[in-house]
Amino acid sequence: MADEDRLGRFLRTKLRSAGREYERARQAFAAGKLTGEADDAIDEDRARIVCRRYAERRAVPLDDAGRPACFEAGHADCEGCVEDLREGRIETW
């Protein structure tokens, strides 16, 4: 019985923690989405990307070849980003 009580407490604690983390992530996503919409006019000359390499949102200028300024030739994440930009399937904010 004591083991069942401990297991129940453990599960409740973990579920509450997961619920709080989910709510934080949901609010952060909503705040980021609003911020991105507000920046539309400012970032007209830049590509708004979610950088795979550094896992961050950024607005970057594109060079003449259509690559972000942060592009590094040979890096798998950078190559994939450029490919997605060319195909029009880049994740934006």
Protein backbone atom coordinates (compact mmCIF):
# COMPACT_ATOMS: atom_id res chain seq x y z
CA MET A 1 0.00 0.00 0.00
CA ALA A 2 2.78 2.46 0.85
CA ASP A 3 4.36 1.78 -2.53
CA GLU A 4 1.05 2.51 -4.29
CA ASP A 5 0.73 5.81 -2.42
CA ARG A 6 4.28 6.80 -3.34
CA LEU A 7 3.68 5.86 -6.96
CA GLY A 8 0.46 7.88 -7.02
CA ARG A 9 2.18 10.94 -5.53
CA PHE A 10 5.06 10.57 -7.95
CA LEU A 11 2.72 10.38 -10.96
CA ARG A 12 0.63 13.36 -9.79
CA THR A 13 3.77 15.42 -9.26
CA LYS A 14 5.13 14.56 -12.70
CA LEU A 15 1.80 15.26 -14.41
CA ARG A 16 1.49 18.64 -12.70
CA SER A 17 5.04 19.49 -13.69
CA ALA A 18 4.38 18.49 -17.30
CA GLY A 19 1.20 20.57 -17.31
CA ARG A 20 3.06 23.64 -16.06
CA GLU A 21 5.81 23.14 -18.65
CA TYR A 22 3.25 22.75 -21.42
CA GLU A 23 1.53 25.99 -20.38
CA ARG A 24 4.87 27.86 -20.31
CA ALA A 25 5.72 26.59 -23.79
CA ARG A 26 2.25 27.48 -25.09
CA GLN A 27 2.53 31.02 -23.73
CA ALA A 28 6.06 31.45 -25.10
CA PHE A 29 4.91 30.27 -28.52
CA ALA A 30 1.96 32.67 -28.48
CA ALA A 31 4.21 35.57 -27.41
CA GLY A 32 6.72 34.74 -30.14
CA LYS A 33 4.02 34.50 -32.75
CA LEU A 34 2.70 37.94 -31.80
CA THR A 35 6.19 39.40 -31.84
CA GLY A 36 6.84 37.99 -35.30
CA GLU A 37 3.62 39.48 -36.66
CA ALA A 38 4.50 42.89 -35.24
CA ASP A 39 7.92 42.81 -36.93
CA ASP A 40 6.53 42.26 -40.46
CA ALA A 41 7.13 45.86 -41.59
CA ILE A 42 10.63 46.01 -40.11
CA ASP A 43 11.92 42.80 -41.67
CA GLU A 44 10.72 43.25 -45.26
CA ASP A 45 14.28 43.03 -46.64
CA ARG A 46 15.24 40.01 -44.55
CA ALA A 47 14.31 36.35 -44.42
CA ARG A 48 12.75 35.42 -41.11
CA ILE A 49 13.98 31.94 -40.34
CA VAL A 50 14.13 29.49 -37.49
CA CYS A 51 17.81 28.58 -37.55
CA ARG A 52 18.31 24.83 -37.33
CA ARG A 53 21.94 25.15 -36.43
CA TYR A 54 21.53 27.40 -33.39
CA ALA A 55 17.84 26.71 -32.68
CA GLU A 56 16.85 30.36 -32.61
CA ARG A 57 14.60 32.73 -34.49
CA ARG A 58 16.30 35.42 -36.51
CA ALA A 59 15.80 37.82 -39.35
CA VAL A 60 18.75 37.62 -41.73
CA PRO A 61 19.66 39.40 -44.95
CA LEU A 62 20.09 37.18 -48.00
CA ASP A 63 23.11 37.35 -50.28
CA ASP A 64 22.92 37.45 -54.10
CA ALA A 65 22.68 33.64 -54.20
CA GLY A 66 19.67 33.67 -51.84
CA ARG A 67 21.60 32.35 -48.83
CA PRO A 68 21.27 33.78 -45.31
CA ALA A 69 24.22 35.85 -44.11
CA CYS A 70 24.89 33.21 -41.45
CA PHE A 71 25.23 30.43 -44.08
CA GLU A 72 28.24 28.11 -43.79
CA ALA A 73 28.97 25.95 -46.82
CA GLY A 74 29.17 22.26 -46.02
CA HIS A 75 27.21 22.46 -42.78
CA ALA A 76 24.20 20.13 -43.05
CA ASP A 77 21.82 22.45 -41.17
CA CYS A 78 22.83 25.46 -43.29
CA GLU A 79 22.55 23.50 -46.54
CA GLY A 80 19.08 22.27 -45.52
CA CYS A 81 18.01 25.80 -44.64
CA VAL A 82 19.03 27.15 -48.07
CA GLU A 83 17.28 24.25 -49.78
CA ASP A 84 14.10 24.98 -47.81
CA LEU A 85 14.33 28.70 -48.62
CA ARG A 86 14.56 27.90 -52.33
CA GLU A 87 11.64 25.48 -52.12
CA GLY A 88 9.55 27.97 -50.13
CA ARG A 89 9.10 25.65 -47.17
CA ILE A 90 11.23 27.39 -44.55
CA GLU A 91 9.78 27.62 -41.05
CA THR A 92 9.22 31.29 -40.33
CA TRP A 93 7.95 33.30 -37.40
